Amino acid sequence: MTDDLDLSHVRARAVEDIRSQYPPLLTTAQVGEMMQCTVGEVRDQVHRGELPAVRWGQQFRFFRDEVLAVLLKRTLGPSNEHAPAGRKT
């Protein structure tokens, strides 16, 4: 039970760190930086419906807290034992 609490604390701290480092509305490049992936991978996730985005002219914008919610849902561990379908581990 202590491990679950420790992981919860670590996740909460990571979320607060991201909230302090990034503005509420993000560019594709900022999301890629946050998720540690390429801009192309971010766009692919949008097109597959895995990552919510707002069309901004010919570009995408992302609400920081929605991106965080997606990341937390994908987190593996005691609270989430299985990765979503299609996710490579």
Protein backbone atom coordinates (compact mmCIF):
# COMPACT_ATOMS: atom_id res chain seq x y z
CA MET A 1 0.00 0.00 0.00
CA THR A 2 2.90 2.36 0.72
CA ASP A 3 4.20 1.88 -2.84
CA ASP A 4 0.85 3.03 -4.26
CA LEU A 5 1.00 6.18 -2.15
CA ASP A 6 4.59 6.86 -3.19
CA LEU A 7 3.69 6.49 -6.89
CA SER A 8 0.69 8.74 -6.44
CA HIS A 9 2.91 11.38 -4.85
CA VAL A 10 5.47 11.09 -7.67
CA ARG A 11 2.76 11.46 -10.33
CA ALA A 12 1.23 14.45 -8.55
CA ARG A 13 4.63 16.13 -8.37
CA ALA A 14 5.29 15.45 -12.07
CA VAL A 15 1.92 16.98 -12.98
CA GLU A 16 2.67 20.09 -10.93
CA ASP A 17 6.11 20.39 -12.53
CA ILE A 18 4.60 20.22 -16.01
CA ARG A 19 1.91 22.75 -15.09
CA SER A 20 4.56 25.17 -13.88
CA GLN A 21 6.75 24.72 -16.98
CA TYR A 22 4.15 24.89 -19.76
CA PRO A 23 1.35 27.36 -20.58
CA PRO A 24 -2.29 26.22 -20.66
CA LEU A 25 -2.37 26.16 -24.49
CA LEU A 26 0.46 24.25 -26.19
CA THR A 27 1.95 23.97 -29.66
CA THR A 28 2.72 20.64 -31.29
CA ALA A 29 6.42 21.17 -30.54
CA GLN A 30 5.71 21.81 -26.86
CA VAL A 31 3.62 18.63 -26.63
CA GLY A 32 6.43 16.68 -28.29
CA GLU A 33 8.88 18.08 -25.77
CA MET A 34 6.54 17.26 -22.88
CA MET A 35 5.93 13.71 -24.12
CA GLN A 36 9.55 13.25 -25.23
CA CYS A 37 8.60 12.35 -28.79
CA THR A 38 8.79 13.96 -32.23
CA VAL A 39 6.34 16.45 -33.68
CA GLY A 40 5.43 13.80 -36.26
CA GLU A 41 4.56 11.32 -33.53
CA VAL A 42 2.34 13.94 -31.86
CA ARG A 43 0.52 14.56 -35.16
CA ASP A 44 0.12 10.80 -35.71
CA GLN A 45 -1.50 10.47 -32.28
CA VAL A 46 -3.90 13.29 -33.13
CA HIS A 47 -4.87 11.67 -36.44
CA ARG A 48 -5.43 8.30 -34.71
CA GLY A 49 -7.69 10.00 -32.16
CA GLU A 50 -5.35 9.20 -29.26
CA LEU A 51 -4.56 12.81 -28.38
CA PRO A 52 -7.17 15.61 -28.28
CA ALA A 53 -6.29 18.74 -30.23
CA VAL A 54 -7.82 21.97 -31.47
CA ARG A 55 -7.36 22.92 -35.12
CA TRP A 56 -5.67 26.34 -35.24
CA GLY A 57 -5.59 27.30 -38.91
CA GLN A 58 -3.40 24.60 -40.43
CA GLN A 59 -1.79 23.79 -37.10
CA PHE A 60 -2.86 22.07 -33.89
CA ARG A 61 -3.05 23.47 -30.39
CA PHE A 62 -3.43 21.37 -27.25
CA PHE A 63 -4.82 22.06 -23.82
CA ARG A 64 -2.05 21.20 -21.38
CA ASP A 65 -4.37 19.53 -18.87
CA GLU A 66 -5.93 17.32 -21.58
CA VAL A 67 -2.44 16.15 -22.63
CA LEU A 68 -1.64 15.44 -18.98
CA ALA A 69 -4.87 13.43 -18.64
CA VAL A 70 -3.88 11.30 -21.65
CA LEU A 71 -0.42 10.70 -20.18
CA LEU A 72 -1.86 9.70 -16.81
CA LYS A 73 -4.32 7.28 -18.46
CA ARG A 74 -1.40 5.64 -20.28
CA THR A 75 0.67 5.26 -17.12
CA LEU A 76 1.46 1.67 -16.22
CA GLY A 77 1.66 0.61 -12.63
CA PRO A 78 -0.49 -0.57 -9.72
CA SER A 79 -3.42 1.67 -10.68
CA ASN A 80 -3.19 0.96 -14.45
CA GLU A 81 -1.91 -2.55 -15.08
CA HIS A 82 -2.40 -2.66 -18.86
CA ALA A 83 -1.37 -0.29 -21.62
CA PRO A 84 -4.12 0.90 -23.98
CA ALA A 85 -4.55 -1.16 -27.14
CA GLY A 86 -1.87 -0.46 -29.70
CA ARG A 87 0.62 0.89 -27.22
CA LYS A 88 4.11 -0.53 -27.44
CA THR A 89 5.83 -1.21 -24.13
